[in-house]
Amino acid sequence: MSPFNLTFLVTIFLSLIFSTLAKVDPTLTRPKSQTLSYIESSCNGTLYRELCIRSLSKFASRNDIEGPQHLAHVALSISLVRAIQTKNYLVGVSKELNAMNNINNDNINNSNIDKKKRRQYQTIQDCVNQLSDSVDQLSQSIKELRRMNKKSNMSGSSSSSRINDDFLFHFNNVETWVSTALTDASSCVYAFPGHRMSKRTASIRGKAMNVAQVTSNALAFIHKYMEAASRNTKP
C-alpha cells in the first residue's frame, strides 16, 4: 500500500473515532458549562469529591443548579433516592434469606450453616431498619429545607432577628436529621467486615457505603448553604 493511501485511511479512521467520542461526550465539542464548573468547585469541599461530581453532573447539561440552597436540595434528593434503592434491595435479600432459613431449619445436619445464615439475616434486618430510618430522616430534611426557604422568600430584607432565629431553627433540624441519616447508613457499613466477604455481602456493603458517602456530601452542602445565608443576612 502506498504511503498516501495509508495516510488517507488513518485520517478517516481517526475522524470516525473523534466523531463518535463527540457524540458520547459533549464536552469534547463545546466549552464546559458554568453549572458544571460550579458543581466541581462546590465539590472541592466534600469528602468524596469524585462521587460528588458524578452524582451531580447530570444536572449540568440543563443548568439546573441555581446556588447553594438549590445545590443542598439536589444533594439531599440524591441521597434520599440512593437510601430508598438500597433499602429496597436489602428487603429483597432479607426475604430471600428468610425463605432459605425456613427450608434449612428442617435439616438438622445443616445447623451450623443455619446459624450463620440467621446471623446474616439479622444483620441485614438491622440494616433495613437503619436505612428505613435514614429514608425518614432525609425525607424530613427535604421538607424542612423547603419550609426554611419558603419563610426566607416570604421575609423582606428589613426583617428582624425573628426571621434569623426561624432560619437557624430550621437549619438545626436539617443538620440534625441528615447527620442522623449518615450515622444510620454508616452503621450498616460497619456491620459487615471488610475481608472475606461473599459477592452479595460485598454488594450490600458497597451500596450502604454509597448511601453514607452521598449523605456526607449532602451534609457538606447544607453547611455551605448556611455559610452563604449567613453572609447575606443583614445585622
C-alpha atoms as a PDB file:
ATOM      1  CA  MET A   1       0.000   0.000   0.000  1.00  0.00           C
ATOM      2  CA  SER A   2       1.337   3.431  -0.912  1.00  0.00           C
ATOM      3  CA  PRO A   3       2.129   5.968   1.853  1.00  0.00           C
ATOM      4  CA  PHE A   4      -0.578   8.217   0.510  1.00  0.00           C
ATOM      5  CA  ASN A   5      -3.293   5.556   0.797  1.00  0.00           C
ATOM      6  CA  LEU A   6      -2.106   4.586   4.316  1.00  0.00           C
ATOM      7  CA  THR A   7      -2.215   8.206   5.469  1.00  0.00           C
ATOM      8  CA  PHE A   8      -5.661   8.636   3.960  1.00  0.00           C
ATOM      9  CA  LEU A   9      -7.026   5.556   5.753  1.00  0.00           C
ATOM     10  CA  VAL A  10      -5.526   6.637   9.093  1.00  0.00           C
ATOM     11  CA  THR A  11      -7.077  10.086   8.696  1.00  0.00           C
ATOM     12  CA  ILE A  12     -10.509   8.585   8.002  1.00  0.00           C
ATOM     13  CA  PHE A  13     -10.153   6.194  10.962  1.00  0.00           C
ATOM     14  CA  LEU A  14      -9.242   8.984  13.397  1.00  0.00           C
ATOM     15  CA  SER A  15     -12.055  11.153  12.112  1.00  0.00           C
ATOM     16  CA  LEU A  16     -14.563   8.394  12.835  1.00  0.00           C
ATOM     17  CA  ILE A  17     -13.190   7.909  16.358  1.00  0.00           C
ATOM     18  CA  PHE A  18     -13.386  11.594  17.270  1.00  0.00           C
ATOM     19  CA  SER A  19     -16.843  11.973  15.773  1.00  0.00           C
ATOM     20  CA  THR A  20     -18.039   9.036  17.882  1.00  0.00           C
ATOM     21  CA  LEU A  21     -16.432  10.446  21.027  1.00  0.00           C
ATOM     22  CA  ALA A  22     -18.027  13.812  20.390  1.00  0.00           C
ATOM     23  CA  LYS A  23     -21.430  12.146  20.342  1.00  0.00           C
ATOM     24  CA  VAL A  24     -20.743  10.302  23.596  1.00  0.00           C
ATOM     25  CA  ASP A  25     -19.097  13.184  25.436  1.00  0.00           C
ATOM     26  CA  PRO A  26     -20.462  16.635  24.501  1.00  0.00           C
ATOM     27  CA  THR A  27     -17.663  18.325  26.471  1.00  0.00           C
ATOM     28  CA  LEU A  28     -15.326  17.475  23.569  1.00  0.00           C
ATOM     29  CA  THR A  29     -17.260  19.783  21.255  1.00  0.00           C
ATOM     30  CA  ARG A  30     -18.345  22.639  23.488  1.00  0.00           C
ATOM     31  CA  PRO A  31     -16.926  24.518  26.480  1.00  0.00           C
ATOM     32  CA  LYS A  32     -17.653  23.351  29.976  1.00  0.00           C
ATOM     33  CA  SER A  33     -20.929  24.793  31.252  1.00  0.00           C
ATOM     34  CA  GLN A  34     -20.989  27.287  34.090  1.00  0.00           C
ATOM     35  CA  THR A  35     -23.153  24.881  36.074  1.00  0.00           C
ATOM     36  CA  LEU A  36     -20.612  22.066  35.767  1.00  0.00           C
ATOM     37  CA  SER A  37     -17.831  24.426  36.821  1.00  0.00           C
ATOM     38  CA  TYR A  38     -19.927  25.480  39.815  1.00  0.00           C
ATOM     39  CA  ILE A  39     -20.560  21.832  40.725  1.00  0.00           C
ATOM     40  CA  GLU A  40     -16.872  20.947  40.513  1.00  0.00           C
ATOM     41  CA  SER A  41     -15.802  23.904  42.641  1.00  0.00           C
ATOM     42  CA  SER A  42     -18.520  23.167  45.208  1.00  0.00           C
ATOM     43  CA  CYS A  43     -17.499  19.510  45.392  1.00  0.00           C
ATOM     44  CA  ASN A  44     -13.980  20.547  46.390  1.00  0.00           C
ATOM     45  CA  GLY A  45     -15.193  20.979  49.956  1.00  0.00           C
ATOM     46  CA  THR A  46     -16.665  17.456  50.236  1.00  0.00           C
ATOM     47  CA  LEU A  47     -15.028  14.263  51.467  1.00  0.00           C
ATOM     48  CA  TYR A  48     -15.938  12.330  48.324  1.00  0.00           C
ATOM     49  CA  ARG A  49     -15.252  14.754  45.502  1.00  0.00           C
ATOM     50  CA  GLU A  50     -15.310  12.343  42.535  1.00  0.00           C
ATOM     51  CA  LEU A  51     -18.581  10.783  43.679  1.00  0.00           C
ATOM     52  CA  CYS A  52     -19.951  14.275  44.256  1.00  0.00           C
ATOM     53  CA  ILE A  53     -19.183  15.352  40.695  1.00  0.00           C
ATOM     54  CA  ARG A  54     -20.530  12.126  39.171  1.00  0.00           C
ATOM     55  CA  SER A  55     -23.806  12.283  41.060  1.00  0.00           C
ATOM     56  CA  LEU A  56     -24.445  15.953  40.284  1.00  0.00           C
ATOM     57  CA  SER A  57     -23.022  16.276  36.760  1.00  0.00           C
ATOM     58  CA  LYS A  58     -26.229  15.011  35.111  1.00  0.00           C
ATOM     59  CA  PHE A  59     -27.861  18.280  36.188  1.00  0.00           C
ATOM     60  CA  ALA A  60     -25.182  20.376  34.472  1.00  0.00           C
ATOM     61  CA  SER A  61     -26.424  19.923  30.897  1.00  0.00           C
ATOM     62  CA  ARG A  62     -29.749  21.558  31.790  1.00  0.00           C
ATOM     63  CA  ASN A  63     -28.179  24.223  34.009  1.00  0.00           C
ATOM     64  CA  ASP A  64     -30.413  23.062  36.843  1.00  0.00           C
ATOM     65  CA  ILE A  65     -28.256  24.161  39.799  1.00  0.00           C
ATOM     66  CA  GLU A  66     -29.002  27.748  40.821  1.00  0.00           C
ATOM     67  CA  GLY A  67     -26.988  28.306  44.011  1.00  0.00           C
ATOM     68  CA  PRO A  68     -26.112  26.894  47.450  1.00  0.00           C
ATOM     69  CA  GLN A  69     -29.740  26.363  48.500  1.00  0.00           C
ATOM     70  CA  HIS A  70     -30.635  24.525  45.313  1.00  0.00           C
ATOM     71  CA  LEU A  71     -27.424  22.509  45.446  1.00  0.00           C
ATOM     72  CA  ALA A  72     -28.204  21.377  49.006  1.00  0.00           C
ATOM     73  CA  HIS A  73     -31.721  20.389  47.958  1.00  0.00           C
ATOM     74  CA  VAL A  74     -30.489  18.373  44.943  1.00  0.00           C
ATOM     75  CA  ALA A  75     -27.790  16.651  47.019  1.00  0.00           C
ATOM     76  CA  LEU A  76     -30.362  15.673  49.654  1.00  0.00           C
ATOM     77  CA  SER A  77     -32.690  14.336  46.963  1.00  0.00           C
ATOM     78  CA  ILE A  78     -29.890  12.192  45.523  1.00  0.00           C
ATOM     79  CA  SER A  79     -29.122  10.846  48.983  1.00  0.00           C
ATOM     80  CA  LEU A  80     -32.791  10.025  49.580  1.00  0.00           C
ATOM     81  CA  VAL A  81     -33.087   8.155  46.275  1.00  0.00           C
ATOM     82  CA  ARG A  82     -29.955   6.103  46.996  1.00  0.00           C
ATOM     83  CA  ALA A  83     -31.211   5.279  50.501  1.00  0.00           C
ATOM     84  CA  ILE A  84     -34.592   4.117  49.168  1.00  0.00           C
ATOM     85  CA  GLN A  85     -32.983   1.997  46.454  1.00  0.00           C
ATOM     86  CA  THR A  86     -30.577   0.350  48.898  1.00  0.00           C
ATOM     87  CA  LYS A  87     -33.294  -0.276  51.473  1.00  0.00           C
ATOM     88  CA  ASN A  88     -35.488  -1.950  48.831  1.00  0.00           C
ATOM     89  CA  TYR A  89     -32.541  -4.074  47.695  1.00  0.00           C
ATOM     90  CA  LEU A  90     -31.920  -5.210  51.278  1.00  0.00           C
ATOM     91  CA  VAL A  91     -35.595  -6.029  51.784  1.00  0.00           C
ATOM     92  CA  GLY A  92     -35.382  -8.376  48.787  1.00  0.00           C
ATOM     93  CA  VAL A  93     -32.213 -10.040  50.104  1.00  0.00           C
ATOM     94  CA  SER A  94     -33.803 -10.376  53.541  1.00  0.00           C
ATOM     95  CA  LYS A  95     -36.867 -12.138  52.115  1.00  0.00           C
ATOM     96  CA  GLU A  96     -34.652 -14.494  50.142  1.00  0.00           C
ATOM     97  CA  LEU A  97     -32.557 -15.415  53.181  1.00  0.00           C
ATOM     98  CA  ASN A  98     -35.646 -15.869  55.318  1.00  0.00           C
ATOM     99  CA  ALA A  99     -37.108 -18.318  52.797  1.00  0.00           C
ATOM    100  CA  MET A 100     -33.840 -20.257  52.722  1.00  0.00           C
ATOM    101  CA  ASN A 101     -33.698 -20.406  56.523  1.00  0.00           C
ATOM    102  CA  ASN A 102     -37.219 -21.781  56.745  1.00  0.00           C
ATOM    103  CA  ILE A 103     -36.232 -24.608  54.423  1.00  0.00           C
ATOM    104  CA  ASN A 104     -32.895 -25.336  56.089  1.00  0.00           C
ATOM    105  CA  ASN A 105     -34.361 -25.346  59.592  1.00  0.00           C
ATOM    106  CA  ASP A 106     -35.825 -28.793  58.787  1.00  0.00           C
ATOM    107  CA  ASN A 107     -32.339 -30.178  58.141  1.00  0.00           C
ATOM    108  CA  ILE A 108     -30.507 -30.954  61.394  1.00  0.00           C
ATOM    109  CA  ASN A 109     -27.215 -31.656  59.598  1.00  0.00           C
ATOM    110  CA  ASN A 110     -27.055 -28.052  58.413  1.00  0.00           C
ATOM    111  CA  SER A 111     -27.460 -26.490  61.877  1.00  0.00           C
ATOM    112  CA  ASN A 112     -24.115 -24.637  61.663  1.00  0.00           C
ATOM    113  CA  ILE A 113     -24.995 -23.239  58.259  1.00  0.00           C
ATOM    114  CA  ASP A 114     -28.379 -22.198  59.604  1.00  0.00           C
ATOM    115  CA  LYS A 115     -26.800 -20.267  62.457  1.00  0.00           C
ATOM    116  CA  LYS A 116     -24.537 -18.416  60.040  1.00  0.00           C
ATOM    117  CA  LYS A 117     -27.416 -17.571  57.746  1.00  0.00           C
ATOM    118  CA  ARG A 118     -29.578 -16.470  60.661  1.00  0.00           C
ATOM    119  CA  ARG A 119     -26.825 -14.126  61.833  1.00  0.00           C
ATOM    120  CA  GLN A 120     -26.512 -12.733  58.325  1.00  0.00           C
ATOM    121  CA  TYR A 121     -30.287 -12.390  58.109  1.00  0.00           C
ATOM    122  CA  GLN A 122     -30.401 -10.469  61.394  1.00  0.00           C
ATOM    123  CA  THR A 123     -27.564  -8.195  60.290  1.00  0.00           C
ATOM    124  CA  ILE A 124     -29.409  -7.401  57.069  1.00  0.00           C
ATOM    125  CA  GLN A 125     -32.626  -6.818  59.007  1.00  0.00           C
ATOM    126  CA  ASP A 126     -30.771  -4.339  61.200  1.00  0.00           C
ATOM    127  CA  CYS A 127     -29.518  -2.579  58.049  1.00  0.00           C
ATOM    128  CA  VAL A 128     -33.048  -2.437  56.667  1.00  0.00           C
ATOM    129  CA  ASN A 129     -34.195  -0.726  59.862  1.00  0.00           C
ATOM    130  CA  GLN A 130     -31.231   1.659  59.825  1.00  0.00           C
ATOM    131  CA  LEU A 131     -31.766   2.626  56.186  1.00  0.00           C
ATOM    132  CA  SER A 132     -35.502   2.996  56.807  1.00  0.00           C
ATOM    133  CA  ASP A 133     -34.589   5.498  59.491  1.00  0.00           C
ATOM    134  CA  SER A 134     -32.239   7.212  57.014  1.00  0.00           C
ATOM    135  CA  VAL A 135     -35.060   7.487  54.482  1.00  0.00           C
ATOM    136  CA  ASP A 136     -37.336   9.057  57.104  1.00  0.00           C
ATOM    137  CA  GLN A 137     -34.642  11.483  58.282  1.00  0.00           C
ATOM    138  CA  LEU A 138     -33.737  12.569  54.741  1.00  0.00           C
ATOM    139  CA  SER A 139     -37.408  12.998  53.806  1.00  0.00           C
ATOM    140  CA  GLN A 140     -37.935  15.213  56.845  1.00  0.00           C
ATOM    141  CA  SER A 141     -34.789  17.173  55.970  1.00  0.00           C
ATOM    142  CA  ILE A 142     -36.023  17.938  52.468  1.00  0.00           C
ATOM    143  CA  LYS A 143     -39.400  19.087  53.801  1.00  0.00           C
ATOM    144  CA  GLU A 144     -37.714  21.239  56.443  1.00  0.00           C
ATOM    145  CA  LEU A 145     -35.393  22.769  53.854  1.00  0.00           C
ATOM    146  CA  ARG A 146     -38.418  23.725  51.778  1.00  0.00           C
ATOM    147  CA  ARG A 147     -40.076  25.325  54.808  1.00  0.00           C
ATOM    148  CA  MET A 148     -36.882  27.191  55.578  1.00  0.00           C
ATOM    149  CA  ASN A 149     -36.661  28.537  52.014  1.00  0.00           C
ATOM    150  CA  LYS A 150     -40.345  29.436  51.977  1.00  0.00           C
ATOM    151  CA  LYS A 151     -40.020  31.544  55.101  1.00  0.00           C
ATOM    152  CA  SER A 152     -36.851  33.107  53.764  1.00  0.00           C
ATOM    153  CA  ASN A 153     -38.579  34.075  50.498  1.00  0.00           C
ATOM    154  CA  MET A 154     -41.618  35.465  52.324  1.00  0.00           C
ATOM    155  CA  SER A 155     -39.480  37.675  54.542  1.00  0.00           C
ATOM    156  CA  GLY A 156     -38.228  41.051  53.404  1.00  0.00           C
ATOM    157  CA  SER A 157     -34.707  42.377  53.705  1.00  0.00           C
ATOM    158  CA  SER A 158     -35.822  44.583  56.608  1.00  0.00           C
ATOM    159  CA  SER A 159     -36.960  41.636  58.748  1.00  0.00           C
ATOM    160  CA  SER A 160     -35.849  41.450  62.339  1.00  0.00           C
ATOM    161  CA  SER A 161     -33.857  38.780  64.162  1.00  0.00           C
ATOM    162  CA  ARG A 162     -37.069  36.733  64.430  1.00  0.00           C
ATOM    163  CA  ILE A 163     -36.548  35.594  60.813  1.00  0.00           C
ATOM    164  CA  ASN A 164     -32.916  34.762  61.500  1.00  0.00           C
ATOM    165  CA  ASP A 165     -33.955  32.707  64.517  1.00  0.00           C
ATOM    166  CA  ASP A 166     -36.501  30.835  62.409  1.00  0.00           C
ATOM    167  CA  PHE A 167     -33.896  30.154  59.752  1.00  0.00           C
ATOM    168  CA  LEU A 168     -31.472  28.839  62.346  1.00  0.00           C
ATOM    169  CA  PHE A 169     -34.184  26.657  63.895  1.00  0.00           C
ATOM    170  CA  HIS A 170     -34.952  25.003  60.552  1.00  0.00           C
ATOM    171  CA  PHE A 171     -31.272  24.689  59.704  1.00  0.00           C
ATOM    172  CA  ASN A 172     -30.521  22.928  63.000  1.00  0.00           C
ATOM    173  CA  ASN A 173     -33.340  20.478  62.287  1.00  0.00           C
ATOM    174  CA  VAL A 174     -31.970  19.727  58.824  1.00  0.00           C
ATOM    175  CA  GLU A 175     -28.421  19.340  60.105  1.00  0.00           C
ATOM    176  CA  THR A 176     -29.525  17.001  62.922  1.00  0.00           C
ATOM    177  CA  TRP A 177     -31.632  14.780  60.672  1.00  0.00           C
ATOM    178  CA  VAL A 178     -29.021  14.487  57.924  1.00  0.00           C
ATOM    179  CA  SER A 179     -26.306  13.737  60.495  1.00  0.00           C
ATOM    180  CA  THR A 180     -28.517  11.008  61.960  1.00  0.00           C
ATOM    181  CA  ALA A 181     -29.169   9.578  58.480  1.00  0.00           C
ATOM    182  CA  LEU A 182     -25.414   9.493  57.895  1.00  0.00           C
ATOM    183  CA  THR A 183     -24.857   7.683  61.208  1.00  0.00           C
ATOM    184  CA  ASP A 184     -27.520   5.079  60.360  1.00  0.00           C
ATOM    185  CA  ALA A 185     -26.064   4.378  56.904  1.00  0.00           C
ATOM    186  CA  SER A 186     -22.540   4.195  58.327  1.00  0.00           C
ATOM    187  CA  SER A 187     -23.690   1.717  60.984  1.00  0.00           C
ATOM    188  CA  CYS A 188     -24.897  -0.567  58.205  1.00  0.00           C
ATOM    189  CA  VAL A 189     -21.491  -0.340  56.520  1.00  0.00           C
ATOM    190  CA  TYR A 190     -19.646  -1.177  59.742  1.00  0.00           C
ATOM    191  CA  ALA A 191     -21.899  -4.202  60.332  1.00  0.00           C
ATOM    192  CA  PHE A 192     -20.108  -6.031  57.514  1.00  0.00           C
ATOM    193  CA  PRO A 193     -16.382  -6.820  57.807  1.00  0.00           C
ATOM    194  CA  GLY A 194     -14.061  -5.612  55.075  1.00  0.00           C
ATOM    195  CA  HIS A 195     -12.491  -9.033  54.435  1.00  0.00           C
ATOM    196  CA  ARG A 196     -13.570 -12.490  53.210  1.00  0.00           C
ATOM    197  CA  MET A 197     -16.966 -11.243  52.108  1.00  0.00           C
ATOM    198  CA  SER A 198     -19.238 -13.064  49.700  1.00  0.00           C
ATOM    199  CA  LYS A 199     -20.197 -11.328  46.477  1.00  0.00           C
ATOM    200  CA  ARG A 200     -23.624 -10.491  47.868  1.00  0.00           C
ATOM    201  CA  THR A 201     -22.246  -9.198  51.154  1.00  0.00           C
ATOM    202  CA  ALA A 202     -19.733  -7.033  49.303  1.00  0.00           C
ATOM    203  CA  SER A 203     -22.583  -5.658  47.184  1.00  0.00           C
ATOM    204  CA  ILE A 204     -24.631  -4.827  50.297  1.00  0.00           C
ATOM    205  CA  ARG A 205     -21.690  -3.113  51.941  1.00  0.00           C
ATOM    206  CA  GLY A 206     -20.898  -1.160  48.777  1.00  0.00           C
ATOM    207  CA  LYS A 207     -24.467   0.083  48.385  1.00  0.00           C
ATOM    208  CA  ALA A 208     -24.670   1.120  52.030  1.00  0.00           C
ATOM    209  CA  MET A 209     -21.303   2.881  51.742  1.00  0.00           C
ATOM    210  CA  ASN A 210     -22.567   4.776  48.705  1.00  0.00           C
ATOM    211  CA  VAL A 211     -25.562   5.998  50.720  1.00  0.00           C
ATOM    212  CA  ALA A 212     -23.257   7.111  53.537  1.00  0.00           C
ATOM    213  CA  GLN A 213     -20.927   8.937  51.153  1.00  0.00           C
ATOM    214  CA  VAL A 214     -23.584  10.851  49.199  1.00  0.00           C
ATOM    215  CA  THR A 215     -25.208  11.759  52.525  1.00  0.00           C
ATOM    216  CA  SER A 216     -21.877  13.051  53.805  1.00  0.00           C
ATOM    217  CA  ASN A 217     -21.585  15.204  50.678  1.00  0.00           C
ATOM    218  CA  ALA A 218     -25.149  16.471  51.150  1.00  0.00           C
ATOM    219  CA  LEU A 219     -24.328  17.476  54.720  1.00  0.00           C
ATOM    220  CA  ALA A 220     -21.339  19.452  53.442  1.00  0.00           C
ATOM    221  CA  PHE A 221     -23.625  21.336  51.014  1.00  0.00           C
ATOM    222  CA  ILE A 222     -26.055  22.111  53.815  1.00  0.00           C
ATOM    223  CA  HIS A 223     -23.209  23.731  55.728  1.00  0.00           C
ATOM    224  CA  LYS A 224     -22.227  25.671  52.594  1.00  0.00           C
ATOM    225  CA  TYR A 225     -25.794  26.910  52.291  1.00  0.00           C
ATOM    226  CA  MET A 226     -25.756  28.068  55.909  1.00  0.00           C
ATOM    227  CA  GLU A 227     -22.484  29.907  55.345  1.00  0.00           C
ATOM    228  CA  ALA A 228     -23.860  31.620  52.248  1.00  0.00           C
ATOM    229  CA  ALA A 229     -27.087  32.573  54.042  1.00  0.00           C
ATOM    230  CA  SER A 230     -25.121  33.974  56.986  1.00  0.00           C
ATOM    231  CA  ARG A 231     -23.059  36.174  54.682  1.00  0.00           C
ATOM    232  CA  ASN A 232     -26.199  37.514  53.039  1.00  0.00           C
ATOM    233  CA  THR A 233     -28.063  38.212  56.287  1.00  0.00           C
ATOM    234  CA  LYS A 234     -28.070  41.835  57.334  1.00  0.00           C
ATOM    235  CA  PRO A 235     -27.413  42.577  61.019  1.00  0.00           C
END
